[in-house]
Amino acid sequence: MDTSNLLLMPAEIRNKIYEECLVKDIISKPESTNEVRHPTLGLMPSILSTNKLIWQEASYILYSQPIYLLIDQSSLRSPIFRNRGSTTVSSLSKILYPVLENVRHWKIVLDFRNASIYQESPSKPNCLEQFCRAIFRNGTPPKSLDIAIDPRFQEDIKVIRLYRYGLERILQPFKILRNIKHVVIREAIASDVTTTYTNASSPLYREQDSGLAGQEDLITEVIELMKSSSIVETTFEINDSLSVYTNAFSKSLETRGGKGVLEMPRRRDKDTYHFRLPNEGHMNFTLNEVYFWEIGSTLGHHRTLGESPRLLKEITKWSTGWVGRCDPDFLDPKVREDYGFDALYSYTTLLKNEPVAVSAQEAKQAFEANDITALKLARSKAIEVHESHYKLIIQAAKQLNDFIKSQKCHGGIFDATLIDSDKYPPEHDGTLYSEAMFLVDEYAETLRPQLSSKHQEFLRKHALAFVDIRRERMLQVVGVIFDNGITEGCKWRKMFRNVVDNMDKQLLEIRETRKQVLAYDFLGEPGVKLDHEMNLCELVNWEVNEPPIGCLEEVAELSSSLSKYSLRSAH
């Protein structure tokens, strides 16, 4: 609703209410940056979303003030995040991005004494690094950045030695920022750093020399860099885009819980597995434990107790007294080998020797060393391997897509009017169904990881261990219905649609991540280019038939005639 009693008040009174409710004594005082577990007041932009006009009016007052940001230990604290509690690094970006769209003035308070502000490596960013990366990715830099550094030292001589010469390491994350009009890097004053855990009035406050003394040249260099519009190459962007692109190719190995084979199994505390029963509703159980419990649950269906007493004994030993924390070493070695219990763990080990995995590891090492040249070379090797795989996927996708379009018409096997029908389309003897199964299997095969013959043999040997892979289950169901003579045409069509949509989503994700990774192809190797003619730009619309081919030809001829007419008119 766009009407409110508040909007009936004079503008001056409304602005005063906005200031009292959203700004006063929350942004203006540094004490407001203290972490409060259950705050009685807080900066709550969500209130403004209740009314569009109120949001438009109050957002300027809310975000025009300098926002205090206290970076301490592994958490980020600010009045704008106050109601969210302590914000850890893992969830920082999700909160920062919408805030960065509006906040134009930041005041950052850094405590020189906290080791957490000294980043260990690029792959383990602290809060300060995350904040700077979020600004970089946002695209719109803030108007001003006031960096206040508290230079006080503890009495520990080692700490003093480390932090006194650590200013360059502290300011390193800011070097990726550009086009900020007003930048200040200064020593914090007493009013900046008065918090519940530091006291600026303490006698120890000025006993140590300032950590900024003699660093004027460094500060000037960083400020000029942040104000400039020079091009910046960031290793984290190159590495992240490559990582996301590589992961997009492994989506075919996702389980029903959304986990990938490459992430599993988990080992903690002296190679001990932490398990939960699948029927407990926990979505993060590993493939191994799913496979194990499925063997137990289906034992009566596929094997008699007399045929496999040894397996039953092992399952009984595991299931009594070990639920929640199970050690696979308690299983008989022969049982583990026969039923592929360690298959996934061995599989993930084997994958590390694949060309893509080797290149990805080289890229990660270069990223850790902050060596952008080595990172680009490793990235180019990985892209070159992915390109051959990508071309196979595109070719298979085009063949299946063309076939579906040709049958998404009246009388075709994907006729939209027969979605809920178990009847064969007229004049079809099942040949087209066979062609559809062949094409969907070819498409699925190209989306699987391109493995060596050794790894493919391993997969065939331990096929049962991968029974929980979601797409493989869907393909299996489609195949079973087809083998039974497609007596349930409705069910076959629905499952076929589901598996095609599942694969198309992966292809679309691969395309999108490919655009991102090629945007950082600075070396120009291996010379790949974006394919402008996209065979699949969106998911198949199964509920609407394709227009007849003759109709499409008429539209093309009409379009050509109109373009020629337009050219003649222009002359």
Protein backbone atom coordinates (compact mmCIF):
# COMPACT_ATOMS: atom_id res chain seq x y z
CA MET A 1 0.00 0.00 0.00
CA ASP A 2 1.20 3.47 -0.95
CA THR A 3 -0.84 5.40 1.61
CA SER A 4 0.06 5.82 5.25
CA ASN A 5 -0.83 8.10 8.14
CA LEU A 6 2.86 8.96 8.33
CA LEU A 7 2.77 10.34 4.81
CA LEU A 8 -0.01 12.74 5.81
CA MET A 9 2.38 14.53 8.18
CA PRO A 10 4.54 17.47 7.06
CA ALA A 11 7.85 16.48 5.46
CA GLU A 12 9.90 18.10 8.25
CA ILE A 13 8.17 15.99 10.90
CA ARG A 14 8.57 12.83 8.83
CA ASN A 15 12.30 13.43 8.41
CA LYS A 16 12.64 14.00 12.15
CA ILE A 17 10.88 10.70 12.81
CA TYR A 18 13.19 8.93 10.35
CA GLU A 19 16.25 10.34 12.09
CA GLU A 20 14.99 9.41 15.55
CA CYS A 21 14.02 5.87 14.55
CA LEU A 22 16.79 4.98 12.12
CA VAL A 23 19.85 7.15 12.69
CA LYS A 24 20.14 8.98 15.98
CA ASP A 25 22.44 7.41 18.60
CA ILE A 26 23.00 4.38 16.42
CA ILE A 27 25.27 5.54 13.63
CA SER A 28 26.55 8.70 15.28
CA LYS A 29 28.20 6.97 18.24
CA PRO A 30 31.05 4.47 17.92
CA GLU A 31 29.63 2.58 20.89
CA SER A 32 26.87 1.40 18.59
CA THR A 33 29.39 -0.89 16.88
CA ASN A 34 29.56 -3.08 19.96
CA GLU A 35 28.15 -6.52 19.51
CA VAL A 36 24.83 -6.78 21.34
CA ARG A 37 23.25 -10.19 21.61
CA HIS A 38 19.68 -8.94 22.05
CA PRO A 39 19.61 -5.23 21.11
CA THR A 40 16.57 -3.23 22.05
CA LEU A 41 17.26 -0.79 19.23
CA GLY A 42 18.88 -1.29 15.90
CA LEU A 43 19.18 -0.09 12.37
CA MET A 44 16.41 -1.91 10.58
CA PRO A 45 16.09 -1.04 6.88
CA SER A 46 13.47 -3.79 6.63
CA ILE A 47 10.96 -1.47 8.30
CA LEU A 48 11.12 0.80 5.29
CA SER A 49 10.08 -1.94 2.89
CA THR A 50 6.57 -1.89 4.35
CA ASN A 51 5.81 1.19 2.29
CA LYS A 52 7.33 2.15 -1.05
CA LEU A 53 7.06 5.91 -0.55
CA ILE A 54 8.49 5.76 2.96
CA TRP A 55 11.41 3.76 1.60
CA GLN A 56 12.12 6.36 -1.07
CA GLU A 57 12.05 9.17 1.45
CA ALA A 58 13.89 7.60 4.36
CA SER A 59 16.60 5.68 2.51
CA TYR A 60 18.54 8.88 1.83
CA ILE A 61 18.54 9.80 5.53
CA LEU A 62 19.38 6.23 6.46
CA TYR A 63 22.32 5.73 4.13
CA SER A 64 23.73 9.24 3.68
CA GLN A 65 25.40 9.11 7.10
CA PRO A 66 28.90 7.62 7.43
CA ILE A 67 28.47 3.99 8.39
CA TYR A 68 30.83 2.79 11.09
CA LEU A 69 32.39 -0.57 10.44
CA LEU A 70 34.45 -2.25 13.14
CA ILE A 71 36.58 -5.13 11.92
CA ASP A 72 37.80 -7.22 14.81
CA GLN A 73 38.84 -10.85 15.15
CA SER A 74 36.90 -12.94 12.59
CA SER A 75 33.69 -10.92 12.74
CA LEU A 76 32.40 -7.75 11.21
CA ARG A 77 30.36 -5.40 13.37
CA SER A 78 28.40 -2.40 12.32
CA PRO A 79 25.10 -0.78 13.23
CA ILE A 80 23.75 -1.74 9.84
CA PHE A 81 24.24 -5.41 10.72
CA ARG A 82 23.39 -5.01 14.36
CA ASN A 83 20.19 -7.02 14.44
CA ARG A 84 21.95 -9.88 12.69
CA GLY A 85 24.48 -10.36 15.47
CA SER A 86 28.11 -11.18 14.81
CA THR A 87 28.64 -11.69 11.10
CA THR A 88 31.13 -14.39 10.22
CA VAL A 89 33.24 -14.37 7.09
CA SER A 90 31.27 -17.20 5.50
CA SER A 91 28.01 -15.23 5.46
CA LEU A 92 29.50 -11.78 5.03
CA SER A 93 29.05 -11.36 1.29
CA LYS A 94 25.32 -12.15 1.37
CA ILE A 95 24.76 -9.28 3.79
CA LEU A 96 27.22 -6.83 2.25
CA TYR A 97 26.01 -6.80 -1.35
CA PRO A 98 22.55 -5.26 -0.76
CA VAL A 99 24.05 -2.78 1.71
CA LEU A 100 26.75 -1.66 -0.72
CA GLU A 101 24.07 -0.68 -3.21
CA ASN A 102 22.98 2.12 -0.89
CA VAL A 103 25.76 3.08 1.53
CA ARG A 104 28.01 5.69 -0.05
CA HIS A 105 30.20 6.66 2.92
CA TRP A 106 32.12 4.16 5.03
CA LYS A 107 34.18 4.71 8.15
CA ILE A 108 36.28 1.63 8.93
CA VAL A 109 37.91 1.17 12.32
CA LEU A 110 40.78 -1.34 12.40
CA ASP A 111 42.43 -2.53 15.59
CA PHE A 112 46.16 -2.90 14.91
CA ARG A 113 46.53 -5.48 17.69
CA ASN A 114 44.23 -8.15 16.31
CA ALA A 115 46.05 -10.78 14.30
CA SER A 116 42.90 -11.60 12.32
CA ILE A 117 43.25 -8.46 10.20
CA TYR A 118 46.52 -9.83 8.84
CA GLN A 119 45.38 -12.10 6.05
CA GLU A 120 47.10 -15.49 6.02
CA SER A 121 46.51 -16.34 2.35
CA PRO A 122 44.25 -15.27 -0.55
CA SER A 123 42.19 -18.44 -0.20
CA LYS A 124 41.44 -17.68 3.46
CA PRO A 125 40.18 -14.09 3.31
CA ASN A 126 39.49 -12.26 6.53
CA CYS A 127 36.63 -9.84 7.03
CA LEU A 128 38.58 -6.88 5.68
CA GLU A 129 39.46 -8.76 2.50
CA GLN A 130 35.85 -9.88 2.11
CA PHE A 131 34.65 -6.31 2.53
CA CYS A 132 37.03 -5.01 -0.16
CA ARG A 133 36.14 -7.85 -2.53
CA ALA A 134 32.46 -7.10 -2.05
CA ILE A 135 33.02 -3.44 -2.98
CA PHE A 136 35.06 -4.51 -6.01
CA ARG A 137 32.39 -6.92 -7.23
CA ASN A 138 29.58 -4.47 -6.57
CA GLY A 139 30.85 -2.34 -9.44
CA THR A 140 29.79 0.99 -7.91
CA PRO A 141 32.48 2.30 -5.56
CA PRO A 142 31.51 4.31 -2.46
CA LYS A 143 32.02 8.07 -2.51
CA SER A 144 34.22 8.16 0.57
CA LEU A 145 36.28 5.77 2.64
CA ASP A 146 37.63 6.82 6.04
CA ILE A 147 40.10 4.24 7.38
CA ALA A 148 40.95 4.76 11.05
CA ILE A 149 43.70 2.49 12.41
CA ASP A 150 44.13 2.00 16.14
CA PRO A 151 47.94 1.66 16.47
CA ARG A 152 48.16 0.57 20.11
CA PHE A 153 50.28 -2.46 20.93
CA GLN A 154 50.17 -5.06 23.61
CA GLU A 155 53.16 -5.55 25.91
CA ASP A 156 54.19 -8.77 24.14
CA ILE A 157 57.43 -7.98 22.28
CA LYS A 158 56.63 -10.48 19.48
CA VAL A 159 53.27 -8.83 18.90
CA ILE A 160 54.86 -5.38 18.82
CA ARG A 161 57.49 -6.53 16.30
CA LEU A 162 54.87 -8.11 14.02
CA TYR A 163 52.32 -5.30 14.01
CA ARG A 164 54.74 -2.40 13.85
CA TYR A 165 55.86 -3.51 10.41
CA GLY A 166 52.53 -4.94 9.33
CA LEU A 167 50.83 -1.81 7.98
CA GLU A 168 51.48 -2.83 4.38
CA ARG A 169 49.81 -6.19 5.01
CA ILE A 170 46.82 -4.48 6.58
CA LEU A 171 46.36 -2.10 3.65
CA GLN A 172 46.90 -4.78 1.00
CA PRO A 173 43.16 -5.60 0.55
CA PHE A 174 42.39 -1.94 -0.25
CA LYS A 175 44.68 -2.00 -3.31
CA ILE A 176 41.99 -3.61 -5.48
CA LEU A 177 39.62 -0.64 -5.05
CA ARG A 178 39.38 2.14 -7.64
CA ASN A 179 37.49 5.38 -8.38
CA ILE A 180 36.86 6.39 -4.77
CA LYS A 181 36.77 10.19 -4.67
CA HIS A 182 37.62 10.75 -1.02
CA VAL A 183 40.01 8.43 0.82
CA VAL A 184 41.57 9.00 4.23
CA ILE A 185 43.99 6.66 6.04
CA ARG A 186 44.75 7.97 9.49
CA GLU A 187 45.50 7.08 13.06
CA ALA A 188 42.37 6.54 15.10
CA ILE A 189 41.53 9.06 17.77
CA ALA A 190 40.00 8.31 21.15
CA SER A 191 36.43 8.84 19.98
CA ASP A 192 36.95 6.31 17.16
CA VAL A 193 37.97 3.37 19.28
CA THR A 194 35.98 3.64 22.49
CA THR A 195 34.28 0.28 22.74
CA THR A 196 33.46 -2.27 25.39
CA TYR A 197 36.74 -4.12 24.88
CA THR A 198 39.12 -1.16 24.41
CA ASN A 199 39.41 1.98 26.47
CA ALA A 200 41.06 4.93 24.79
CA SER A 201 41.44 6.74 28.10
CA SER A 202 43.69 3.98 29.48
CA PRO A 203 47.20 5.10 30.58
CA LEU A 204 48.65 2.53 28.16
CA TYR A 205 47.00 4.18 25.18
CA ARG A 206 50.03 6.26 24.14
CA GLU A 207 52.87 4.35 25.76
CA GLN A 208 53.88 2.74 22.47
CA ASP A 209 55.05 4.47 19.31
CA SER A 210 52.52 4.91 16.55
CA GLY A 211 52.41 2.10 14.02
CA LEU A 212 51.85 4.69 11.26
CA ALA A 213 55.00 6.68 11.95
CA GLY A 214 57.39 6.67 8.99
CA GLN A 215 54.80 5.09 6.68
CA GLU A 216 53.66 8.26 4.92
CA ASP A 217 54.91 7.13 1.50
CA LEU A 218 53.04 3.84 1.73
CA ILE A 219 49.83 5.56 2.83
CA THR A 220 50.08 8.08 -0.01
CA GLU A 221 50.67 5.29 -2.54
CA VAL A 222 47.60 3.33 -1.40
CA ILE A 223 45.38 6.43 -1.37
CA GLU A 224 46.42 7.46 -4.89
CA LEU A 225 45.80 3.92 -6.12
CA MET A 226 42.29 3.84 -4.64
CA LYS A 227 41.46 7.21 -6.21
CA SER A 228 42.75 6.24 -9.65
CA SER A 229 40.83 4.56 -12.45
CA SER A 230 43.63 2.19 -13.47
CA ILE A 231 42.87 -1.39 -14.49
CA VAL A 232 43.18 -3.95 -11.74
CA GLU A 233 43.68 -7.69 -12.17
CA THR A 234 42.52 -9.71 -9.20
CA THR A 235 43.71 -13.24 -8.59
CA PHE A 236 40.64 -14.07 -6.55
CA GLU A 237 38.31 -13.23 -9.45
CA ILE A 238 40.31 -15.37 -11.88
CA ASN A 239 40.58 -18.26 -9.44
CA ASP A 240 36.95 -18.09 -8.31
CA SER A 241 35.60 -18.03 -11.86
CA LEU A 242 37.74 -21.04 -12.80
CA SER A 243 36.63 -22.93 -9.70
CA VAL A 244 32.94 -22.26 -10.40
CA TYR A 245 33.38 -23.24 -14.06
CA THR A 246 35.08 -26.52 -13.13
CA ASN A 247 32.40 -27.34 -10.56
CA ALA A 248 29.68 -26.78 -13.17
CA PHE A 249 30.98 -29.82 -15.08
CA SER A 250 30.61 -32.05 -12.01
CA LYS A 251 26.93 -31.27 -11.42
CA SER A 252 26.04 -34.62 -12.97
CA LEU A 253 27.46 -36.28 -9.86
CA GLU A 254 25.16 -34.49 -7.44
CA THR A 255 23.21 -36.59 -4.98
CA ARG A 256 19.63 -36.09 -3.89
CA GLY A 257 20.95 -33.98 -1.01
CA GLY A 258 22.66 -31.57 -3.40
CA LYS A 259 26.17 -32.79 -2.58
CA GLY A 260 28.74 -33.75 -5.17
CA VAL A 261 30.90 -36.83 -5.22
CA LEU A 262 34.03 -34.69 -5.19
CA GLU A 263 33.07 -33.33 -1.78
CA MET A 264 32.66 -36.74 -0.17
CA PRO A 265 33.13 -38.71 1.94
CA ARG A 266 33.96 -36.58 4.98
CA ARG A 267 36.67 -37.72 7.36
CA ARG A 268 37.25 -36.15 10.74
CA ASP A 269 38.99 -36.99 13.98
CA LYS A 270 41.44 -39.73 13.08
CA ASP A 271 39.70 -40.90 9.91
CA THR A 272 36.35 -41.44 11.61
CA TYR A 273 33.07 -41.02 9.76
CA HIS A 274 30.25 -39.01 11.27
CA PHE A 275 26.98 -40.47 10.05
CA ARG A 276 23.29 -39.82 10.34
CA LEU A 277 20.61 -42.19 9.21
CA PRO A 278 19.00 -41.06 5.92
CA ASN A 279 15.53 -41.43 7.41
CA GLU A 280 16.39 -38.76 9.99
CA GLY A 281 15.82 -36.16 7.29
CA HIS A 282 19.39 -34.88 7.24
CA MET A 283 20.25 -33.82 3.68
CA ASN A 284 24.06 -33.90 4.02
CA PHE A 285 24.68 -37.60 4.53
CA THR A 286 27.40 -39.05 2.34
CA LEU A 287 26.99 -41.43 -0.55
CA ASN A 288 28.80 -44.15 1.35
CA GLU A 289 26.40 -44.12 4.26
CA VAL A 290 23.39 -43.95 1.94
CA TYR A 291 24.72 -46.93 0.04
CA PHE A 292 25.38 -48.81 3.27
CA TRP A 293 21.91 -48.27 4.69
CA GLU A 294 20.30 -49.06 1.34
CA ILE A 295 22.08 -52.42 1.36
CA GLY A 296 20.65 -53.06 4.80
CA SER A 297 17.13 -51.95 3.89
CA THR A 298 17.00 -53.91 0.64
CA LEU A 299 18.70 -57.02 1.96
CA GLY A 300 15.40 -58.87 2.25
CA HIS A 301 14.37 -57.87 -1.28
CA HIS A 302 17.52 -58.76 -3.22
CA ARG A 303 19.26 -61.34 -1.08
CA THR A 304 18.09 -64.00 1.32
CA LEU A 305 19.64 -64.17 4.75
CA GLY A 306 21.11 -67.56 3.90
CA GLU A 307 22.91 -66.16 0.85
CA SER A 308 24.69 -63.38 2.71
CA PRO A 309 24.95 -64.09 6.45
CA ARG A 310 28.33 -62.38 6.62
CA LEU A 311 26.95 -59.10 5.30
CA LEU A 312 23.99 -59.33 7.66
CA LYS A 313 26.38 -59.83 10.57
CA GLU A 314 28.41 -56.77 9.60
CA ILE A 315 25.29 -54.63 9.19
CA THR A 316 24.01 -55.77 12.57
CA LYS A 317 27.34 -54.92 14.19
CA TRP A 318 27.29 -51.47 12.63
CA SER A 319 23.66 -50.68 13.36
CA THR A 320 23.80 -51.59 17.07
CA GLY A 321 25.57 -49.03 19.21
CA TRP A 322 27.24 -47.14 16.40
CA VAL A 323 24.46 -44.95 15.01
CA GLY A 324 25.67 -41.36 14.79
CA ARG A 325 29.38 -42.18 14.88
CA CYS A 326 30.61 -45.14 12.86
CA ASP A 327 34.11 -46.26 11.96
CA PRO A 328 34.33 -48.14 8.64
CA ASP A 329 37.38 -50.00 9.92
CA PHE A 330 35.00 -52.12 12.00
CA LEU A 331 33.66 -53.62 8.80
CA ASP A 332 35.18 -56.83 7.56
CA PRO A 333 37.71 -55.89 4.79
CA LYS A 334 36.19 -58.42 2.39
CA VAL A 335 32.73 -56.90 2.88
CA ARG A 336 34.08 -53.42 2.23
CA GLU A 337 35.75 -54.57 -0.98
CA ASP A 338 32.83 -56.64 -2.29
CA TYR A 339 30.20 -53.97 -1.74
CA GLY A 340 32.31 -50.97 -2.76
CA PHE A 341 32.07 -49.26 0.62
CA ASP A 342 35.38 -47.48 0.06
CA ALA A 343 34.65 -46.90 -3.63
CA LEU A 344 33.85 -43.21 -3.32
CA TYR A 345 36.86 -42.45 -1.18
CA SER A 346 39.10 -44.22 -3.71
CA TYR A 347 37.28 -42.51 -6.58
CA THR A 348 37.93 -39.01 -5.23
CA THR A 349 41.59 -39.96 -4.80
CA LEU A 350 41.83 -41.16 -8.41
CA LEU A 351 40.20 -37.99 -9.73
CA LYS A 352 43.09 -35.91 -8.42
CA ASN A 353 45.26 -37.31 -11.22
CA GLU A 354 42.90 -36.23 -14.01
CA PRO A 355 44.22 -33.36 -16.22
CA VAL A 356 41.52 -30.92 -15.10
CA ALA A 357 42.14 -31.70 -11.43
CA VAL A 358 45.90 -31.27 -11.87
CA SER A 359 45.43 -27.89 -13.59
CA ALA A 360 42.97 -26.79 -10.92
CA GLN A 361 45.46 -27.71 -8.21
CA GLU A 362 48.20 -25.76 -9.99
CA ALA A 363 45.87 -22.77 -10.23
CA LYS A 364 45.08 -23.01 -6.53
CA GLN A 365 48.78 -23.10 -5.62
CA ALA A 366 49.46 -20.07 -7.82
CA PHE A 367 46.52 -18.28 -6.21
CA GLU A 368 47.90 -19.07 -2.75
CA ALA A 369 51.25 -17.62 -3.79
CA ASN A 370 49.50 -14.59 -5.34
CA ASP A 371 51.35 -15.32 -8.61
CA ILE A 372 49.01 -14.01 -11.28
CA THR A 373 51.19 -15.16 -14.20
CA ALA A 374 51.33 -18.76 -13.00
CA LEU A 375 47.61 -18.60 -12.22
CA LYS A 376 46.78 -17.57 -15.78
CA LEU A 377 48.92 -20.36 -17.24
CA ALA A 378 47.29 -23.02 -15.05
CA ARG A 379 43.90 -21.58 -15.83
CA SER A 380 44.54 -21.77 -19.58
CA LYS A 381 45.47 -25.46 -19.26
CA ALA A 382 42.23 -26.18 -17.42
CA ILE A 383 40.15 -24.24 -19.97
CA GLU A 384 41.80 -26.12 -22.84
CA VAL A 385 40.71 -29.43 -21.30
CA HIS A 386 37.22 -28.09 -20.65
CA GLU A 387 36.83 -26.83 -24.23
CA SER A 388 36.96 -30.28 -25.81
CA HIS A 389 34.43 -31.51 -23.24
CA TYR A 390 32.24 -28.46 -23.84
CA LYS A 391 32.11 -29.05 -27.61
CA LEU A 392 30.89 -32.62 -27.09
CA ILE A 393 28.15 -31.41 -24.75
CA ILE A 394 27.00 -28.73 -27.21
CA GLN A 395 26.84 -31.21 -30.07
CA ALA A 396 24.79 -33.73 -28.08
CA ALA A 397 22.51 -30.99 -26.73
CA LYS A 398 21.82 -29.69 -30.23
CA GLN A 399 20.91 -33.13 -31.56
CA LEU A 400 18.51 -33.81 -28.69
CA ASN A 401 17.05 -30.32 -28.82
CA ASP A 402 16.37 -30.59 -32.57
CA PHE A 403 14.71 -33.96 -32.07
CA ILE A 404 12.49 -32.68 -29.25
CA LYS A 405 11.41 -29.69 -31.33
CA SER A 406 10.55 -31.95 -34.27
CA GLN A 407 8.35 -34.10 -31.99
CA LYS A 408 6.79 -31.24 -30.02
CA CYS A 409 3.93 -30.97 -32.47
CA HIS A 410 0.52 -32.52 -33.14
CA GLY A 411 1.00 -36.26 -33.39
CA GLY A 412 4.59 -36.16 -32.09
CA ILE A 413 5.74 -38.17 -29.09
CA PHE A 414 6.10 -34.92 -27.12
CA ASP A 415 2.77 -33.50 -28.25
CA ALA A 416 1.71 -31.06 -25.53
CA THR A 417 -1.85 -32.35 -25.74
CA LEU A 418 -0.66 -35.85 -24.75
CA ILE A 419 1.25 -34.84 -21.61
CA ASP A 420 -1.16 -36.66 -19.29
CA SER A 421 -2.05 -39.45 -21.69
CA ASP A 422 -0.81 -43.04 -21.56
CA LYS A 423 -1.60 -43.54 -25.23
CA TYR A 424 0.93 -43.80 -28.01
CA PRO A 425 0.79 -40.92 -30.46
CA PRO A 426 -0.96 -42.08 -33.65
CA GLU A 427 1.03 -44.00 -36.27
CA HIS A 428 4.04 -44.60 -33.99
CA ASP A 429 5.42 -48.06 -33.36
CA GLY A 430 8.01 -47.08 -30.75
CA THR A 431 10.90 -46.29 -33.10
CA LEU A 432 10.87 -42.63 -32.12
CA TYR A 433 10.95 -43.58 -28.45
CA SER A 434 14.09 -45.60 -29.15
CA GLU A 435 15.67 -42.61 -30.87
CA ALA A 436 14.74 -40.39 -27.92
CA MET A 437 16.36 -42.83 -25.47
CA PHE A 438 19.50 -43.01 -27.60
CA LEU A 439 19.84 -39.21 -27.78
CA VAL A 440 19.17 -38.64 -24.08
CA ASP A 441 21.75 -41.29 -23.16
CA GLU A 442 24.28 -39.64 -25.47
CA TYR A 443 23.56 -36.27 -23.89
CA ALA A 444 23.93 -37.70 -20.38
CA GLU A 445 27.21 -39.38 -21.32
CA THR A 446 28.76 -36.11 -22.50
CA LEU A 447 27.77 -34.39 -19.26
CA ARG A 448 29.53 -37.02 -17.17
CA PRO A 449 33.14 -36.31 -16.19
CA GLN A 450 35.54 -37.11 -19.02
CA LEU A 451 37.59 -39.77 -17.28
CA SER A 452 40.40 -42.03 -18.36
CA SER A 453 39.68 -45.67 -19.19
CA LYS A 454 41.07 -46.65 -15.78
CA HIS A 455 38.54 -44.50 -13.97
CA GLN A 456 35.68 -45.60 -16.22
CA GLU A 457 36.50 -49.22 -15.40
CA PHE A 458 36.46 -48.29 -11.71
CA LEU A 459 32.99 -46.78 -12.08
CA ARG A 460 31.65 -49.89 -13.80
CA LYS A 461 33.10 -52.12 -11.08
CA HIS A 462 31.54 -50.10 -8.27
CA ALA A 463 28.35 -48.99 -10.01
CA LEU A 464 26.19 -49.80 -6.99
CA ALA A 465 28.17 -47.44 -4.78
CA PHE A 466 26.99 -44.53 -6.92
CA VAL A 467 23.34 -45.51 -6.81
CA ASP A 468 22.31 -42.29 -5.06
CA ILE A 469 23.42 -39.96 -7.85
CA ARG A 470 20.18 -38.17 -8.69
CA ARG A 471 20.49 -38.02 -12.46
CA GLU A 472 21.58 -41.64 -12.74
CA ARG A 473 18.47 -42.66 -10.82
CA MET A 474 16.27 -40.64 -13.18
CA LEU A 475 17.90 -42.18 -16.25
CA GLN A 476 17.46 -45.61 -14.75
CA VAL A 477 13.73 -45.04 -14.21
CA VAL A 478 13.28 -43.78 -17.79
CA GLY A 479 15.15 -46.82 -19.08
CA VAL A 480 13.09 -49.28 -17.02
CA ILE A 481 9.81 -47.81 -18.31
CA PHE A 482 11.13 -47.97 -21.87
CA ASP A 483 12.25 -51.59 -21.46
CA ASN A 484 8.76 -52.49 -20.26
CA GLY A 485 7.33 -51.38 -23.59
CA ILE A 486 6.29 -47.88 -22.49
CA THR A 487 2.96 -49.12 -21.22
CA GLU A 488 2.93 -46.00 -19.04
CA GLY A 489 3.43 -43.31 -21.66
CA CYS A 490 2.45 -40.51 -19.30
CA LYS A 491 5.02 -41.52 -16.69
CA TRP A 492 7.73 -41.97 -19.33
CA ARG A 493 7.15 -38.50 -20.77
CA LYS A 494 7.26 -36.87 -17.34
CA MET A 495 10.45 -38.65 -16.32
CA PHE A 496 12.01 -37.93 -19.71
CA ARG A 497 11.15 -34.25 -19.33
CA ASN A 498 12.61 -34.20 -15.82
CA VAL A 499 15.91 -35.71 -16.82
CA VAL A 500 16.24 -33.44 -19.89
CA ASP A 501 15.47 -30.37 -17.78
CA ASN A 502 18.01 -31.52 -15.20
CA MET A 503 20.72 -31.81 -17.85
CA ASP A 504 19.73 -28.56 -19.57
CA LYS A 505 20.07 -26.70 -16.28
CA GLN A 506 23.62 -27.96 -15.98
CA LEU A 507 24.39 -26.89 -19.55
CA LEU A 508 22.98 -23.42 -18.93
CA GLU A 509 25.12 -23.16 -15.79
CA ILE A 510 28.18 -24.27 -17.75
CA ARG A 511 27.47 -21.60 -20.38
CA GLU A 512 27.07 -18.87 -17.78
CA THR A 513 30.20 -19.80 -15.84
CA ARG A 514 32.09 -20.13 -19.12
CA LYS A 515 31.30 -16.51 -19.92
CA GLN A 516 32.69 -15.47 -16.56
CA VAL A 517 35.89 -17.48 -16.80
CA LEU A 518 36.64 -16.30 -20.35
CA ALA A 519 36.18 -12.70 -19.29
CA TYR A 520 39.57 -13.05 -17.57
CA ASP A 521 41.41 -14.64 -20.50
CA PHE A 522 44.21 -12.05 -20.37
CA LEU A 523 46.83 -14.24 -22.03
CA GLY A 524 44.58 -15.05 -24.95
CA GLU A 525 45.27 -18.76 -24.54
CA PRO A 526 44.02 -21.21 -25.62
CA GLY A 527 42.33 -18.69 -27.93
CA VAL A 528 38.77 -19.72 -27.18
CA LYS A 529 35.88 -17.42 -27.97
CA LEU A 530 32.33 -17.22 -26.75
CA ASP A 531 29.85 -19.00 -28.99
CA HIS A 532 27.32 -16.37 -30.03
CA GLU A 533 24.96 -18.89 -31.65
CA MET A 534 23.55 -20.52 -28.56
CA ASN A 535 21.64 -23.72 -29.30
CA LEU A 536 20.09 -23.73 -25.86
CA CYS A 537 19.24 -20.36 -24.32
CA GLU A 538 16.48 -21.56 -22.03
CA LEU A 539 14.74 -24.70 -20.83
CA VAL A 540 12.38 -26.53 -23.17
CA ASN A 541 8.76 -25.39 -22.89
CA TRP A 542 7.05 -28.77 -22.90
CA GLU A 543 3.53 -27.39 -22.57
CA VAL A 544 3.45 -25.62 -25.94
CA ASN A 545 3.82 -27.27 -29.34
CA GLU A 546 6.29 -25.92 -31.87
CA PRO A 547 4.79 -24.10 -34.88
CA PRO A 548 4.74 -26.11 -38.13
CA ILE A 549 7.88 -25.92 -40.25
CA GLY A 550 5.94 -24.35 -43.12
CA CYS A 551 4.76 -21.61 -40.81
CA LEU A 552 8.35 -20.87 -39.77
CA GLU A 553 9.42 -20.65 -43.42
CA GLU A 554 6.63 -18.16 -44.13
CA VAL A 555 7.72 -16.03 -41.15
CA ALA A 556 11.33 -16.07 -42.39
CA GLU A 557 10.28 -15.03 -45.91
CA LEU A 558 8.09 -12.24 -44.53
CA SER A 559 10.93 -11.00 -42.33
CA SER A 560 13.32 -11.00 -45.32
CA SER A 561 10.81 -9.08 -47.45
CA LEU A 562 10.30 -6.47 -44.74
CA SER A 563 14.05 -5.95 -44.35
CA LYS A 564 14.46 -5.44 -48.13
CA TYR A 565 11.56 -2.99 -48.13
CA SER A 566 13.15 -1.06 -45.26
CA LEU A 567 16.44 -0.79 -47.18
CA ARG A 568 14.68 0.52 -50.30
CA SER A 569 12.79 3.07 -48.20
CA ALA A 570 16.03 4.27 -46.62
CA HIS A 571 17.51 4.96 -50.06
